[in-house]
Amino acid sequence: MRLSKIQKDILFVLFALEQKGKQEPVTGMNLLSIINKGSSSELYDTNFRTSCHTLNSNKLVNKYRTSSLKLAWTLTEAGRAIACIIFNERS
């Protein structure tokens, strides 16, 4: 699978949050906010959600629902391995 820039950003942020000790799923809007803060151009939520669902269908992230029914995401083992490579390239 060829990863888009958005998908790489998602994996990078999820991995970075795990490295800081955050083990629970990250809500989609929080994830989008973090990505947009570090970007020079704003990422639209529709493109972001499509990228998250594509990563999920390729078994790189797990999808959850919070108690308030918001979508949340975590890395799978396969996603973590790819995210580690992306993280090391960017760090």
PDB file of N, CA and C in Angstrom:
ATOM      1  N   MET A   1       0.836  -1.179   0.000  1.00  0.00           N
ATOM      2  CA  MET A   1       0.000   0.000   0.000  1.00  0.00           C
ATOM      3  C   MET A   1       0.882   1.245   0.000  1.00  0.00           C
ATOM      4  N   ARG A   2       0.565   2.161  -0.871  1.00  0.00           N
ATOM      5  CA  ARG A   2       1.270   3.444  -0.925  1.00  0.00           C
ATOM      6  C   ARG A   2       0.513   4.427  -0.037  1.00  0.00           C
ATOM      7  N   LEU A   3       1.226   5.029   0.898  1.00  0.00           N
ATOM      8  CA  LEU A   3       0.600   5.945   1.845  1.00  0.00           C
ATOM      9  C   LEU A   3       0.650   7.378   1.333  1.00  0.00           C
ATOM     10  N   SER A   4      -0.452   8.090   1.494  1.00  0.00           N
ATOM     11  CA  SER A   4      -0.496   9.510   1.147  1.00  0.00           C
ATOM     12  C   SER A   4       0.160  10.312   2.269  1.00  0.00           C
ATOM     13  N   LYS A   5       0.388  11.601   2.009  1.00  0.00           N
ATOM     14  CA  LYS A   5       0.959  12.473   3.039  1.00  0.00           C
ATOM     15  C   LYS A   5       0.042  12.540   4.252  1.00  0.00           C
ATOM     16  N   ILE A   6      -1.254  12.625   4.014  1.00  0.00           N
ATOM     17  CA  ILE A   6      -2.223  12.687   5.115  1.00  0.00           C
ATOM     18  C   ILE A   6      -2.136  11.417   5.960  1.00  0.00           C
ATOM     19  N   GLN A   7      -2.096  10.270   5.312  1.00  0.00           N
ATOM     20  CA  GLN A   7      -2.024   9.002   6.037  1.00  0.00           C
ATOM     21  C   GLN A   7      -0.729   8.899   6.830  1.00  0.00           C
ATOM     22  N   LYS A   8       0.369   9.360   6.254  1.00  0.00           N
ATOM     23  CA  LYS A   8       1.641   9.356   6.984  1.00  0.00           C
ATOM     24  C   LYS A   8       1.567  10.284   8.192  1.00  0.00           C
ATOM     25  N   ASP A   9       0.922  11.438   8.015  1.00  0.00           N
ATOM     26  CA  ASP A   9       0.758  12.372   9.132  1.00  0.00           C
ATOM     27  C   ASP A   9      -0.051  11.741  10.259  1.00  0.00           C
ATOM     28  N   ILE A  10      -1.108  11.035   9.911  1.00  0.00           N
ATOM     29  CA  ILE A  10      -1.962  10.379  10.913  1.00  0.00           C
ATOM     30  C   ILE A  10      -1.149   9.342  11.687  1.00  0.00           C
ATOM     31  N   LEU A  11      -0.428   8.495  10.971  1.00  0.00           N
ATOM     32  CA  LEU A  11       0.381   7.471  11.629  1.00  0.00           C
ATOM     33  C   LEU A  11       1.459   8.112  12.502  1.00  0.00           C
ATOM     34  N   PHE A  12       2.091   9.168  11.997  1.00  0.00           N
ATOM     35  CA  PHE A  12       3.139   9.865  12.748  1.00  0.00           C
ATOM     36  C   PHE A  12       2.598  10.418  14.067  1.00  0.00           C
ATOM     37  N   VAL A  13       1.467  11.097  14.002  1.00  0.00           N
ATOM     38  CA  VAL A  13       0.906  11.713  15.213  1.00  0.00           C
ATOM     39  C   VAL A  13       0.467  10.647  16.212  1.00  0.00           C
ATOM     40  N   LEU A  14      -0.195   9.597  15.742  1.00  0.00           N
ATOM     41  CA  LEU A  14      -0.609   8.530  16.658  1.00  0.00           C
ATOM     42  C   LEU A  14       0.599   7.888  17.336  1.00  0.00           C
ATOM     43  N   PHE A  15       1.671   7.676  16.563  1.00  0.00           N
ATOM     44  CA  PHE A  15       2.880   7.083  17.136  1.00  0.00           C
ATOM     45  C   PHE A  15       3.524   8.030  18.147  1.00  0.00           C
ATOM     46  N   ALA A  16       3.600   9.309  17.798  1.00  0.00           N
ATOM     47  CA  ALA A  16       4.197  10.298  18.707  1.00  0.00           C
ATOM     48  C   ALA A  16       3.414  10.374  20.012  1.00  0.00           C
ATOM     49  N   LEU A  17       2.093  10.325  19.929  1.00  0.00           N
ATOM     50  CA  LEU A  17       1.272  10.355  21.141  1.00  0.00           C
ATOM     51  C   LEU A  17       1.505   9.106  21.989  1.00  0.00           C
ATOM     52  N   GLU A  18       1.658   7.947  21.336  1.00  0.00           N
ATOM     53  CA  GLU A  18       1.962   6.720  22.077  1.00  0.00           C
ATOM     54  C   GLU A  18       3.302   6.845  22.790  1.00  0.00           C
ATOM     55  N   GLN A  19       4.279   7.455  22.132  1.00  0.00           N
ATOM     56  CA  GLN A  19       5.602   7.608  22.731  1.00  0.00           C
ATOM     57  C   GLN A  19       5.562   8.510  23.957  1.00  0.00           C
ATOM     58  N   LYS A  20       4.585   9.410  23.987  1.00  0.00           N
ATOM     59  CA  LYS A  20       4.419  10.293  25.141  1.00  0.00           C
ATOM     60  C   LYS A  20       3.564   9.656  26.231  1.00  0.00           C
ATOM     61  N   GLY A  21       3.118   8.405  26.013  1.00  0.00           N
ATOM     62  CA  GLY A  21       2.395   7.686  27.040  1.00  0.00           C
ATOM     63  C   GLY A  21       0.888   7.629  26.877  1.00  0.00           C
ATOM     64  N   LYS A  22       0.346   8.186  25.795  1.00  0.00           N
ATOM     65  CA  LYS A  22      -1.109   8.153  25.585  1.00  0.00           C
ATOM     66  C   LYS A  22      -1.482   6.810  24.962  1.00  0.00           C
ATOM     67  N   GLN A  23      -2.143   5.970  25.722  1.00  0.00           N
ATOM     68  CA  GLN A  23      -2.495   4.630  25.252  1.00  0.00           C
ATOM     69  C   GLN A  23      -3.947   4.507  24.804  1.00  0.00           C
ATOM     70  N   GLU A  24      -4.803   5.432  25.248  1.00  0.00           N
ATOM     71  CA  GLU A  24      -6.217   5.331  24.882  1.00  0.00           C
ATOM     72  C   GLU A  24      -6.432   5.897  23.472  1.00  0.00           C
ATOM     73  N   PRO A  25      -7.525   5.514  22.810  1.00  0.00           N
ATOM     74  CA  PRO A  25      -7.819   6.004  21.454  1.00  0.00           C
ATOM     75  C   PRO A  25      -7.917   7.529  21.408  1.00  0.00           C
ATOM     76  N   VAL A  26      -7.474   8.095  20.288  1.00  0.00           N
ATOM     77  CA  VAL A  26      -7.487   9.546  20.078  1.00  0.00           C
ATOM     78  C   VAL A  26      -8.685   9.879  19.191  1.00  0.00           C
ATOM     79  N   THR A  27      -9.508  10.824  19.640  1.00  0.00           N
ATOM     80  CA  THR A  27     -10.671  11.182  18.827  1.00  0.00           C
ATOM     81  C   THR A  27     -10.214  11.816  17.514  1.00  0.00           C
ATOM     82  N   GLY A  28     -11.032  11.631  16.502  1.00  0.00           N
ATOM     83  CA  GLY A  28     -10.707  12.133  15.179  1.00  0.00           C
ATOM     84  C   GLY A  28     -10.497  13.635  15.144  1.00  0.00           C
ATOM     85  N   MET A  29     -11.349  14.385  15.825  1.00  0.00           N
ATOM     86  CA  MET A  29     -11.222  15.837  15.797  1.00  0.00           C
ATOM     87  C   MET A  29      -9.967  16.315  16.514  1.00  0.00           C
ATOM     88  N   ASN A  30      -9.567  15.640  17.590  1.00  0.00           N
ATOM     89  CA  ASN A  30      -8.309  15.983  18.264  1.00  0.00           C
ATOM     90  C   ASN A  30      -7.119  15.688  17.353  1.00  0.00           C
ATOM     91  N   LEU A  31      -7.175  14.558  16.680  1.00  0.00           N
ATOM     92  CA  LEU A  31      -6.115  14.164  15.756  1.00  0.00           C
ATOM     93  C   LEU A  31      -6.010  15.172  14.609  1.00  0.00           C
ATOM     94  N   LEU A  32      -7.141  15.551  14.037  1.00  0.00           N
ATOM     95  CA  LEU A  32      -7.164  16.538  12.956  1.00  0.00           C
ATOM     96  C   LEU A  32      -6.606  17.873  13.434  1.00  0.00           C
ATOM     97  N   SER A  33      -6.968  18.283  14.630  1.00  0.00           N
ATOM     98  CA  SER A  33      -6.483  19.541  15.188  1.00  0.00           C
ATOM     99  C   SER A  33      -4.963  19.529  15.336  1.00  0.00           C
ATOM    100  N   ILE A  34      -4.416  18.440  15.820  1.00  0.00           N
ATOM    101  CA  ILE A  34      -2.961  18.320  15.994  1.00  0.00           C
ATOM    102  C   ILE A  34      -2.263  18.395  14.635  1.00  0.00           C
ATOM    103  N   ILE A  35      -2.803  17.700  13.656  1.00  0.00           N
ATOM    104  CA  ILE A  35      -2.193  17.714  12.318  1.00  0.00           C
ATOM    105  C   ILE A  35      -2.260  19.113  11.719  1.00  0.00           C
ATOM    106  N   ASN A  36      -3.391  19.782  11.867  1.00  0.00           N
ATOM    107  CA  ASN A  36      -3.530  21.132  11.302  1.00  0.00           C
ATOM    108  C   ASN A  36      -2.621  22.150  11.989  1.00  0.00           C
ATOM    109  N   LYS A  37      -2.350  21.971  13.288  1.00  0.00           N
ATOM    110  CA  LYS A  37      -1.454  22.893  13.996  1.00  0.00           C
ATOM    111  C   LYS A  37      -0.034  22.819  13.444  1.00  0.00           C
ATOM    112  N   GLY A  38       0.367  21.636  12.994  1.00  0.00           N
ATOM    113  CA  GLY A  38       1.728  21.449  12.500  1.00  0.00           C
ATOM    114  C   GLY A  38       1.864  21.594  10.999  1.00  0.00           C
ATOM    115  N   SER A  39       0.810  22.028  10.329  1.00  0.00           N
ATOM    116  CA  SER A  39       0.826  22.107   8.873  1.00  0.00           C
ATOM    117  C   SER A  39       0.685  23.551   8.411  1.00  0.00           C
ATOM    118  N   SER A  40       1.270  23.845   7.259  1.00  0.00           N
ATOM    119  CA  SER A  40       1.164  25.202   6.716  1.00  0.00           C
ATOM    120  C   SER A  40      -0.175  25.433   6.021  1.00  0.00           C
ATOM    121  N   SER A  41      -0.812  24.353   5.571  1.00  0.00           N
ATOM    122  CA  SER A  41      -2.137  24.481   4.954  1.00  0.00           C
ATOM    123  C   SER A  41      -3.123  23.602   5.706  1.00  0.00           C
ATOM    124  N   GLU A  42      -4.354  24.063   5.780  1.00  0.00           N
ATOM    125  CA  GLU A  42      -5.367  23.350   6.563  1.00  0.00           C
ATOM    126  C   GLU A  42      -5.852  22.099   5.827  1.00  0.00           C
ATOM    127  N   LEU A  43      -5.923  21.020   6.556  1.00  0.00           N
ATOM    128  CA  LEU A  43      -6.437  19.758   6.046  1.00  0.00           C
ATOM    129  C   LEU A  43      -7.938  19.729   6.263  1.00  0.00           C
ATOM    130  N   TYR A  44      -8.686  19.450   5.198  1.00  0.00           N
ATOM    131  CA  TYR A  44     -10.147  19.404   5.316  1.00  0.00           C
ATOM    132  C   TYR A  44     -10.586  18.115   6.002  1.00  0.00           C
ATOM    133  N   ASP A  45     -11.630  18.225   6.815  1.00  0.00           N
ATOM    134  CA  ASP A  45     -12.078  17.079   7.603  1.00  0.00           C
ATOM    135  C   ASP A  45     -12.543  15.913   6.738  1.00  0.00           C
ATOM    136  N   THR A  46     -13.104  16.173   5.565  1.00  0.00           N
ATOM    137  CA  THR A  46     -13.552  15.066   4.709  1.00  0.00           C
ATOM    138  C   THR A  46     -12.365  14.247   4.211  1.00  0.00           C
ATOM    139  N   ASN A  47     -11.291  14.924   3.803  1.00  0.00           N
ATOM    140  CA  ASN A  47     -10.088  14.212   3.363  1.00  0.00           C
ATOM    141  C   ASN A  47      -9.449  13.444   4.520  1.00  0.00           C
ATOM    142  N   PHE A  48      -9.456  14.060   5.686  1.00  0.00           N
ATOM    143  CA  PHE A  48      -8.908  13.423   6.877  1.00  0.00           C
ATOM    144  C   PHE A  48      -9.674  12.146   7.209  1.00  0.00           C
ATOM    145  N   ARG A  49     -11.005  12.236   7.250  1.00  0.00           N
ATOM    146  CA  ARG A  49     -11.817  11.060   7.591  1.00  0.00           C
ATOM    147  C   ARG A  49     -11.646   9.941   6.574  1.00  0.00           C
ATOM    148  N   THR A  50     -11.589  10.293   5.287  1.00  0.00           N
ATOM    149  CA  THR A  50     -11.379   9.291   4.249  1.00  0.00           C
ATOM    150  C   THR A  50     -10.044   8.584   4.453  1.00  0.00           C
ATOM    151  N   SER A  51      -9.009   9.346   4.784  1.00  0.00           N
ATOM    152  CA  SER A  51      -7.688   8.751   5.022  1.00  0.00           C
ATOM    153  C   SER A  51      -7.697   7.822   6.232  1.00  0.00           C
ATOM    154  N   CYS A  52      -8.393   8.227   7.295  1.00  0.00           N
ATOM    155  CA  CYS A  52      -8.499   7.371   8.487  1.00  0.00           C
ATOM    156  C   CYS A  52      -9.213   6.059   8.153  1.00  0.00           C
ATOM    157  N   HIS A  53     -10.299   6.142   7.418  1.00  0.00           N
ATOM    158  CA  HIS A  53     -11.051   4.933   7.067  1.00  0.00           C
ATOM    159  C   HIS A  53     -10.245   4.024   6.133  1.00  0.00           C
ATOM    160  N   THR A  54      -9.446   4.621   5.243  1.00  0.00           N
ATOM    161  CA  THR A  54      -8.582   3.822   4.372  1.00  0.00           C
ATOM    162  C   THR A  54      -7.520   3.105   5.195  1.00  0.00           C
ATOM    163  N   LEU A  55      -6.921   3.819   6.150  1.00  0.00           N
ATOM    164  CA  LEU A  55      -5.945   3.175   7.040  1.00  0.00           C
ATOM    165  C   LEU A  55      -6.594   2.041   7.824  1.00  0.00           C
ATOM    166  N   ASN A  56      -7.832   2.242   8.255  1.00  0.00           N
ATOM    167  CA  ASN A  56      -8.561   1.209   8.983  1.00  0.00           C
ATOM    168  C   ASN A  56      -8.842  -0.007   8.099  1.00  0.00           C
ATOM    169  N   SER A  57      -9.251   0.224   6.870  1.00  0.00           N
ATOM    170  CA  SER A  57      -9.552  -0.895   5.971  1.00  0.00           C
ATOM    171  C   SER A  57      -8.288  -1.670   5.597  1.00  0.00           C
ATOM    172  N   ASN A  58      -7.126  -1.004   5.687  1.00  0.00           N
ATOM    173  CA  ASN A  58      -5.852  -1.676   5.434  1.00  0.00           C
ATOM    174  C   ASN A  58      -5.199  -2.186   6.712  1.00  0.00           C
ATOM    175  N   LYS A  59      -5.948  -2.160   7.801  1.00  0.00           N
ATOM    176  CA  LYS A  59      -5.541  -2.716   9.096  1.00  0.00           C
ATOM    177  C   LYS A  59      -4.294  -2.054   9.688  1.00  0.00           C
ATOM    178  N   LEU A  60      -4.176  -0.726   9.464  1.00  0.00           N
ATOM    179  CA  LEU A  60      -3.069   0.020  10.061  1.00  0.00           C
ATOM    180  C   LEU A  60      -3.512   0.803  11.289  1.00  0.00           C
ATOM    181  N   VAL A  61      -4.812   1.074  11.407  1.00  0.00           N
ATOM    182  CA  VAL A  61      -5.373   1.711  12.601  1.00  0.00           C
ATOM    183  C   VAL A  61      -6.655   0.982  12.990  1.00  0.00           C
ATOM    184  N   ASN A  62      -6.972   1.046  14.280  1.00  0.00           N
ATOM    185  CA  ASN A  62      -8.242   0.510  14.788  1.00  0.00           C
ATOM    186  C   ASN A  62      -9.200   1.665  15.016  1.00  0.00           C
ATOM    187  N   LYS A  63     -10.475   1.407  14.740  1.00  0.00           N
ATOM    188  CA  LYS A  63     -11.517   2.414  14.906  1.00  0.00           C
ATOM    189  C   LYS A  63     -12.323   2.081  16.146  1.00  0.00           C
ATOM    190  N   TYR A  64     -12.599   3.104  16.947  1.00  0.00           N
ATOM    191  CA  TYR A  64     -13.390   2.960  18.163  1.00  0.00           C
ATOM    192  C   TYR A  64     -14.463   4.039  18.199  1.00  0.00           C
ATOM    193  N   ARG A  65     -15.442   3.839  19.057  1.00  0.00           N
ATOM    194  CA  ARG A  65     -16.432   4.872  19.365  1.00  0.00           C
ATOM    195  C   ARG A  65     -16.293   5.201  20.837  1.00  0.00           C
ATOM    196  N   THR A  66     -16.233   6.492  21.137  1.00  0.00           N
ATOM    197  CA  THR A  66     -16.178   6.908  22.530  1.00  0.00           C
ATOM    198  C   THR A  66     -17.581   6.792  23.125  1.00  0.00           C
ATOM    199  N   SER A  67     -17.701   7.039  24.405  1.00  0.00           N
ATOM    200  CA  SER A  67     -19.017   6.972  25.059  1.00  0.00           C
ATOM    201  C   SER A  67     -19.986   8.001  24.486  1.00  0.00           C
ATOM    202  N   SER A  68     -19.453   9.081  23.925  1.00  0.00           N
ATOM    203  CA  SER A  68     -20.317  10.086  23.290  1.00  0.00           C
ATOM    204  C   SER A  68     -20.447   9.827  21.781  1.00  0.00           C
ATOM    205  N   LEU A  69     -20.062   8.624  21.345  1.00  0.00           N
ATOM    206  CA  LEU A  69     -20.181   8.149  19.964  1.00  0.00           C
ATOM    207  C   LEU A  69     -19.280   8.864  18.962  1.00  0.00           C
ATOM    208  N   LYS A  70     -18.224   9.494  19.430  1.00  0.00           N
ATOM    209  CA  LYS A  70     -17.246  10.101  18.526  1.00  0.00           C
ATOM    210  C   LYS A  70     -16.266   9.027  18.066  1.00  0.00           C
ATOM    211  N   LEU A  71     -15.803   9.145  16.811  1.00  0.00           N
ATOM    212  CA  LEU A  71     -14.808   8.206  16.304  1.00  0.00           C
ATOM    213  C   LEU A  71     -13.459   8.478  16.950  1.00  0.00           C
ATOM    214  N   ALA A  72     -12.752   7.416  17.260  1.00  0.00           N
ATOM    215  CA  ALA A  72     -11.412   7.520  17.837  1.00  0.00           C
ATOM    216  C   ALA A  72     -10.532   6.452  17.202  1.00  0.00           C
ATOM    217  N   TRP A  73      -9.222   6.686  17.227  1.00  0.00           N
ATOM    218  CA  TRP A  73      -8.281   5.832  16.491  1.00  0.00           C
ATOM    219  C   TRP A  73      -7.074   5.458  17.334  1.00  0.00           C
ATOM    220  N   THR A  74      -6.572   4.243  17.105  1.00  0.00           N
ATOM    221  CA  THR A  74      -5.292   3.793  17.669  1.00  0.00           C
ATOM    222  C   THR A  74      -4.552   3.028  16.581  1.00  0.00           C
ATOM    223  N   LEU A  75      -3.258   2.838  16.790  1.00  0.00           N
ATOM    224  CA  LEU A  75      -2.453   2.068  15.845  1.00  0.00           C
ATOM    225  C   LEU A  75      -2.623   0.570  16.077  1.00  0.00           C
ATOM    226  N   THR A  76      -2.580  -0.194  14.998  1.00  0.00           N
ATOM    227  CA  THR A  76      -2.464  -1.646  15.105  1.00  0.00           C
ATOM    228  C   THR A  76      -0.970  -1.969  15.161  1.00  0.00           C
ATOM    229  N   GLU A  77      -0.622  -3.212  15.336  1.00  0.00           N
ATOM    230  CA  GLU A  77       0.797  -3.590  15.340  1.00  0.00           C
ATOM    231  C   GLU A  77       1.439  -3.287  13.989  1.00  0.00           C
ATOM    232  N   ALA A  78       0.734  -3.592  12.897  1.00  0.00           N
ATOM    233  CA  ALA A  78       1.265  -3.297  11.563  1.00  0.00           C
ATOM    234  C   ALA A  78       1.413  -1.792  11.362  1.00  0.00           C
ATOM    235  N   GLY A  79       0.429  -1.037  11.814  1.00  0.00           N
ATOM    236  CA  GLY A  79       0.482   0.416  11.712  1.00  0.00           C
ATOM    237  C   GLY A  79       1.603   0.998  12.545  1.00  0.00           C
ATOM    238  N   ARG A  80       1.825   0.420  13.703  1.00  0.00           N
ATOM    239  CA  ARG A  80       2.893   0.888  14.600  1.00  0.00           C
ATOM    240  C   ARG A  80       4.265   0.686  13.958  1.00  0.00           C
ATOM    241  N   ALA A  81       4.442  -0.430  13.267  1.00  0.00           N
ATOM    242  CA  ALA A  81       5.728  -0.706  12.606  1.00  0.00           C
ATOM    243  C   ALA A  81       5.997   0.324  11.507  1.00  0.00           C
ATOM    244  N   ILE A  82       4.987   0.635  10.712  1.00  0.00           N
ATOM    245  CA  ILE A  82       5.148   1.636   9.648  1.00  0.00           C
ATOM    246  C   ILE A  82       5.312   3.022  10.255  1.00  0.00           C
ATOM    247  N   ALA A  83       4.541   3.321  11.290  1.00  0.00           N
ATOM    248  CA  ALA A  83       4.616   4.626  11.940  1.00  0.00           C
ATOM    249  C   ALA A  83       5.989   4.852  12.568  1.00  0.00           C
ATOM    250  N   CYS A  84       6.586   3.816  13.078  1.00  0.00           N
ATOM    251  CA  CYS A  84       7.927   3.923  13.668  1.00  0.00           C
ATOM    252  C   CYS A  84       8.935   4.345  12.610  1.00  0.00           C
ATOM    253  N   ILE A  85       8.835   3.785  11.424  1.00  0.00           N
ATOM    254  CA  ILE A  85       9.727   4.151  10.322  1.00  0.00           C
ATOM    255  C   ILE A  85       9.517   5.613   9.945  1.00  0.00           C
ATOM    256  N   ILE A  86       8.252   6.021   9.815  1.00  0.00           N
ATOM    257  CA  ILE A  86       7.932   7.414   9.471  1.00  0.00           C
ATOM    258  C   ILE A  86       8.452   8.352  10.555  1.00  0.00           C
ATOM    259  N   PHE A  87       8.246   7.986  11.800  1.00  0.00           N
ATOM    260  CA  PHE A  87       8.690   8.801  12.942  1.00  0.00           C
ATOM    261  C   PHE A  87      10.198   8.969  12.921  1.00  0.00           C
ATOM    262  N   ASN A  88      10.929   7.891  12.676  1.00  0.00           N
ATOM    263  CA  ASN A  88      12.386   7.956  12.651  1.00  0.00           C
ATOM    264  C   ASN A  88      12.898   8.774  11.475  1.00  0.00           C
ATOM    265  N   GLU A  89      12.203   8.715  10.332  1.00  0.00           N
ATOM    266  CA  GLU A  89      12.601   9.525   9.169  1.00  0.00           C
ATOM    267  C   GLU A  89      12.406  11.008   9.441  1.00  0.00           C
ATOM    268  N   ARG A  90      11.355  11.360  10.175  1.00  0.00           N
ATOM    269  CA  ARG A  90      11.038  12.771  10.423  1.00  0.00           C
ATOM    270  C   ARG A  90      11.767  13.351  11.633  1.00  0.00           C
ATOM    271  N   SER A  91      12.271  12.495  12.490  1.00  0.00           N
ATOM    272  CA  SER A  91      12.926  12.980  13.715  1.00  0.00           C
ATOM    273  C   SER A  91      14.409  13.123  13.527  1.00  0.00           C
TER     274      SER A  91
END
